[in-house]
């Protein structure tokens, strides 16, 4: 009788191990819309930004609206995530 239980237990463990090894991994999650480049651009477009530009005298301006007829750089109002180390010592 013990031999029958041992064989049955071995078959159950072997079947479970075979199932575990043969199963397919779960499909990779679909990237969130905000994780894609296009999604980040769309989010940035909805958030009010700042614009950095220089006038004809070379004076730097940072405004909430872009200037007309001159080059500008769009700035994010949120800082970059993480710690930034500058490597400079204060004296």
N, C-alpha and C. Protein backbone atom coordinates (compact mmCIF):
# COMPACT_ATOMS: atom_id res chain seq x y z
N UNK A 1 0.82 -1.19 0.00
CA UNK A 1 0.00 0.00 0.00
C UNK A 1 0.87 1.26 0.00
N UNK A 2 1.95 1.24 0.77
CA UNK A 2 2.85 2.39 0.81
C UNK A 2 3.50 2.61 -0.55
N UNK A 3 3.78 1.53 -1.23
CA UNK A 3 4.40 1.66 -2.54
C UNK A 3 3.45 2.36 -3.52
N UNK A 4 2.16 2.09 -3.45
CA UNK A 4 1.18 2.72 -4.32
C UNK A 4 1.12 4.22 -4.03
N UNK A 5 1.13 4.60 -2.76
CA UNK A 5 1.10 6.02 -2.40
C UNK A 5 2.39 6.71 -2.83
N UNK A 6 3.51 6.03 -2.72
CA UNK A 6 4.78 6.62 -3.14
C UNK A 6 4.78 6.85 -4.66
N UNK A 7 4.27 5.87 -5.41
CA UNK A 7 4.20 6.03 -6.86
C UNK A 7 3.25 7.15 -7.23
N UNK A 8 2.08 7.20 -6.59
CA UNK A 8 1.10 8.26 -6.86
C UNK A 8 1.66 9.63 -6.51
N UNK A 9 2.35 9.73 -5.38
CA UNK A 9 2.97 11.00 -4.98
C UNK A 9 4.06 11.42 -5.95
N UNK A 10 4.86 10.47 -6.42
CA UNK A 10 5.92 10.76 -7.39
C UNK A 10 5.36 11.24 -8.71
N UNK A 11 4.25 10.61 -9.15
CA UNK A 11 3.61 11.05 -10.38
C UNK A 11 3.04 12.45 -10.23
N UNK A 12 2.46 12.74 -9.08
CA UNK A 12 1.89 14.07 -8.86
C UNK A 12 3.00 15.12 -8.84
N UNK A 13 4.09 14.86 -8.14
CA UNK A 13 5.20 15.81 -8.11
C UNK A 13 5.84 15.96 -9.49
N UNK A 14 6.01 14.87 -10.20
CA UNK A 14 6.58 14.93 -11.55
C UNK A 14 5.68 15.70 -12.50
N UNK A 15 4.36 15.47 -12.40
CA UNK A 15 3.42 16.20 -13.25
C UNK A 15 3.43 17.69 -12.94
N UNK A 16 3.48 18.02 -11.66
CA UNK A 16 3.53 19.43 -11.27
C UNK A 16 4.81 20.09 -11.74
N UNK A 17 5.93 19.40 -11.62
CA UNK A 17 7.21 19.95 -12.07
C UNK A 17 7.21 20.13 -13.59
N UNK A 18 6.66 19.15 -14.32
CA UNK A 18 6.59 19.26 -15.78
C UNK A 18 5.71 20.43 -16.19
N UNK A 19 4.59 20.60 -15.53
CA UNK A 19 3.71 21.73 -15.84
C UNK A 19 4.42 23.05 -15.57
N UNK A 20 5.11 23.14 -14.44
CA UNK A 20 5.80 24.38 -14.06
C UNK A 20 6.88 24.75 -15.07
N UNK A 21 7.63 23.76 -15.53
CA UNK A 21 8.71 24.03 -16.47
C UNK A 21 8.20 24.28 -17.88
N UNK A 22 7.05 23.73 -18.25
CA UNK A 22 6.54 23.86 -19.61
C UNK A 22 5.64 25.08 -19.80
N UNK A 23 5.22 25.70 -18.72
CA UNK A 23 4.29 26.82 -18.85
C UNK A 23 4.99 28.01 -19.49
N UNK A 24 4.24 28.83 -20.19
CA UNK A 24 4.80 30.02 -20.82
C UNK A 24 4.80 31.15 -19.80
N UNK A 25 5.80 31.99 -19.92
CA UNK A 25 5.84 33.16 -19.03
C UNK A 25 4.69 34.09 -19.39
N UNK A 26 4.29 34.86 -18.42
CA UNK A 26 3.21 35.82 -18.65
C UNK A 26 3.66 36.82 -19.71
N UNK A 27 2.77 37.26 -20.57
CA UNK A 27 3.17 38.23 -21.59
C UNK A 27 3.66 39.53 -20.95
N UNK A 28 4.56 40.15 -21.65
CA UNK A 28 5.11 41.42 -21.15
C UNK A 28 3.99 42.45 -21.08
N UNK A 29 3.97 43.26 -20.03
CA UNK A 29 2.91 44.27 -19.92
C UNK A 29 3.02 45.30 -21.04
N UNK A 30 1.90 45.78 -21.46
CA UNK A 30 1.85 46.82 -22.49
C UNK A 30 2.35 48.11 -21.85
N UNK A 31 3.30 48.80 -22.48
CA UNK A 31 3.82 50.02 -21.87
C UNK A 31 2.72 51.06 -21.71
N UNK A 32 2.80 51.75 -20.60
CA UNK A 32 1.85 52.81 -20.32
C UNK A 32 2.04 53.94 -21.32
N UNK A 33 0.96 54.64 -21.64
CA UNK A 33 1.05 55.73 -22.63
C UNK A 33 2.05 56.79 -22.20
N UNK A 34 2.21 56.98 -20.89
CA UNK A 34 3.14 58.00 -20.41
C UNK A 34 4.59 57.53 -20.48
N UNK A 35 4.79 56.21 -20.62
CA UNK A 35 6.15 55.69 -20.68
C UNK A 35 6.74 55.80 -22.07
N UNK A 36 5.92 55.94 -23.07
CA UNK A 36 6.43 56.06 -24.43
C UNK A 36 6.82 57.51 -24.71
N UNK A 37 7.66 57.68 -25.69
CA UNK A 37 8.13 59.03 -26.02
C UNK A 37 6.97 59.92 -26.43
N UNK A 38 6.06 59.38 -27.24
CA UNK A 38 4.92 60.17 -27.68
C UNK A 38 4.04 60.56 -26.50
N UNK A 39 3.88 59.64 -25.57
CA UNK A 39 3.07 59.93 -24.39
C UNK A 39 3.69 61.03 -23.54
N UNK A 40 5.02 61.00 -23.40
CA UNK A 40 5.69 62.05 -22.62
C UNK A 40 5.54 63.39 -23.31
N UNK A 41 5.64 63.40 -24.63
CA UNK A 41 5.48 64.66 -25.36
C UNK A 41 4.08 65.20 -25.17
N UNK A 42 3.07 64.33 -25.21
CA UNK A 42 1.69 64.77 -25.03
C UNK A 42 1.48 65.34 -23.63
N UNK A 43 2.07 64.70 -22.63
CA UNK A 43 1.95 65.19 -21.26
C UNK A 43 2.63 66.54 -21.12
N UNK A 44 3.82 66.69 -21.73
CA UNK A 44 4.52 67.97 -21.67
C UNK A 44 3.73 69.07 -22.35
N UNK A 45 3.03 68.73 -23.44
CA UNK A 45 2.25 69.74 -24.14
C UNK A 45 1.07 70.22 -23.30
N UNK A 46 0.54 69.36 -22.45
CA UNK A 46 -0.60 69.76 -21.61
C UNK A 46 -0.16 70.58 -20.41
N UNK A 47 1.07 70.40 -19.96
CA UNK A 47 1.55 71.13 -18.80
C UNK A 47 2.09 72.49 -19.25
N UNK A 48 1.81 73.52 -18.48
CA UNK A 48 2.37 74.82 -18.85
C UNK A 48 3.89 74.79 -18.71
N UNK A 49 4.58 75.30 -19.69
CA UNK A 49 6.03 75.27 -19.66
C UNK A 49 6.60 76.66 -19.54
N UNK A 50 7.89 76.72 -19.51
CA UNK A 50 8.61 77.99 -19.52
C UNK A 50 9.44 78.04 -20.79
N UNK A 51 9.70 79.23 -21.26
CA UNK A 51 10.44 79.41 -22.50
C UNK A 51 11.64 80.31 -22.24
N UNK A 52 12.81 79.85 -22.68
CA UNK A 52 14.05 80.61 -22.49
C UNK A 52 14.50 81.13 -23.85
N UNK A 53 14.74 82.43 -23.92
CA UNK A 53 15.16 83.05 -25.17
C UNK A 53 15.93 84.32 -24.89
N UNK A 54 16.63 84.81 -25.90
CA UNK A 54 17.42 86.05 -25.78
C UNK A 54 16.87 87.08 -26.75
N UNK A 55 16.86 88.33 -26.29
CA UNK A 55 16.38 89.40 -27.17
C UNK A 55 17.53 89.90 -28.05
N UNK A 56 17.28 90.96 -28.82
CA UNK A 56 18.29 91.46 -29.76
C UNK A 56 19.52 92.01 -29.06
N UNK A 57 19.42 92.36 -27.78
CA UNK A 57 20.57 92.85 -27.02
C UNK A 57 21.31 91.72 -26.31
N UNK A 58 20.84 90.51 -26.48
CA UNK A 58 21.49 89.36 -25.84
C UNK A 58 21.04 89.10 -24.42
N UNK A 59 19.99 89.79 -23.97
CA UNK A 59 19.50 89.61 -22.59
C UNK A 59 18.64 88.36 -22.54
N UNK A 60 18.90 87.52 -21.54
CA UNK A 60 18.18 86.27 -21.36
C UNK A 60 16.82 86.53 -20.74
N UNK A 61 15.77 85.93 -21.33
CA UNK A 61 14.42 86.04 -20.80
C UNK A 61 13.88 84.64 -20.59
N UNK A 62 13.11 84.47 -19.52
CA UNK A 62 12.38 83.24 -19.27
C UNK A 62 10.93 83.64 -19.03
N UNK A 63 10.06 83.19 -19.95
CA UNK A 63 8.66 83.60 -19.89
C UNK A 63 7.74 82.39 -19.98
N UNK A 64 6.46 82.63 -19.72
CA UNK A 64 5.47 81.55 -19.80
C UNK A 64 4.89 81.41 -21.20
N UNK A 65 5.16 82.37 -22.08
CA UNK A 65 4.70 82.29 -23.46
C UNK A 65 5.91 82.37 -24.38
N UNK A 66 5.89 81.62 -25.48
CA UNK A 66 7.04 81.66 -26.38
C UNK A 66 7.10 82.98 -27.14
N UNK A 67 8.29 83.45 -27.44
CA UNK A 67 8.40 84.69 -28.20
C UNK A 67 8.05 84.45 -29.67
N UNK A 68 7.64 85.49 -30.33
CA UNK A 68 7.31 85.38 -31.75
C UNK A 68 8.50 85.82 -32.58
N UNK A 69 8.83 85.02 -33.58
CA UNK A 69 9.86 85.41 -34.53
C UNK A 69 11.29 85.27 -34.05
N UNK A 70 11.53 84.53 -33.00
CA UNK A 70 12.91 84.33 -32.55
C UNK A 70 13.03 82.93 -31.95
N UNK A 71 14.21 82.35 -31.98
CA UNK A 71 14.39 81.00 -31.44
C UNK A 71 14.25 80.99 -29.92
N UNK A 72 13.74 79.89 -29.41
CA UNK A 72 13.57 79.72 -27.97
C UNK A 72 13.77 78.27 -27.60
N UNK A 73 13.92 78.02 -26.31
CA UNK A 73 14.05 76.67 -25.78
C UNK A 73 12.96 76.46 -24.75
N UNK A 74 12.24 75.34 -24.86
CA UNK A 74 11.18 75.05 -23.90
C UNK A 74 11.79 74.35 -22.69
N UNK A 75 11.42 74.81 -21.51
CA UNK A 75 11.93 74.26 -20.26
C UNK A 75 10.78 73.58 -19.52
N UNK A 76 11.09 72.52 -18.81
CA UNK A 76 10.10 71.84 -17.99
C UNK A 76 10.05 72.52 -16.63
N UNK A 77 8.85 72.58 -16.07
CA UNK A 77 8.73 73.17 -14.73
C UNK A 77 9.12 72.19 -13.64
N UNK A 78 9.20 70.91 -13.98
CA UNK A 78 9.58 69.89 -13.01
C UNK A 78 11.05 69.54 -13.20
N UNK A 79 11.73 69.34 -12.10
CA UNK A 79 13.13 68.96 -12.17
C UNK A 79 13.27 67.51 -12.58
N UNK A 80 14.48 67.12 -12.91
CA UNK A 80 14.73 65.75 -13.30
C UNK A 80 14.71 64.86 -12.07
N UNK A 81 14.21 63.65 -12.24
CA UNK A 81 14.16 62.70 -11.13
C UNK A 81 15.58 62.22 -10.81
N UNK A 82 15.84 61.99 -9.55
CA UNK A 82 17.13 61.46 -9.15
C UNK A 82 18.00 62.52 -8.51
N UNK A 83 19.16 62.10 -8.12
CA UNK A 83 20.11 62.98 -7.46
C UNK A 83 21.16 63.38 -8.48
N UNK A 84 21.46 64.65 -8.53
CA UNK A 84 22.50 65.15 -9.42
C UNK A 84 23.68 65.61 -8.57
N UNK A 85 24.86 65.12 -8.91
CA UNK A 85 26.07 65.49 -8.19
C UNK A 85 26.89 66.40 -9.09
N UNK A 86 27.20 67.59 -8.62
CA UNK A 86 27.95 68.57 -9.41
C UNK A 86 29.46 68.38 -9.26
N UNK A 87 29.91 67.90 -8.13
CA UNK A 87 31.34 67.65 -7.93
C UNK A 87 32.13 68.89 -7.58
N UNK A 88 31.48 69.97 -7.22
CA UNK A 88 32.19 71.20 -6.86
C UNK A 88 32.17 71.36 -5.35
N UNK A 89 33.26 71.82 -4.80
CA UNK A 89 33.34 72.04 -3.34
C UNK A 89 33.06 73.50 -3.04
N UNK A 90 32.28 73.71 -2.02
CA UNK A 90 32.03 75.07 -1.55
C UNK A 90 33.19 75.48 -0.66
N UNK A 91 33.70 76.68 -0.86
CA UNK A 91 34.83 77.14 -0.03
C UNK A 91 34.44 78.37 0.73
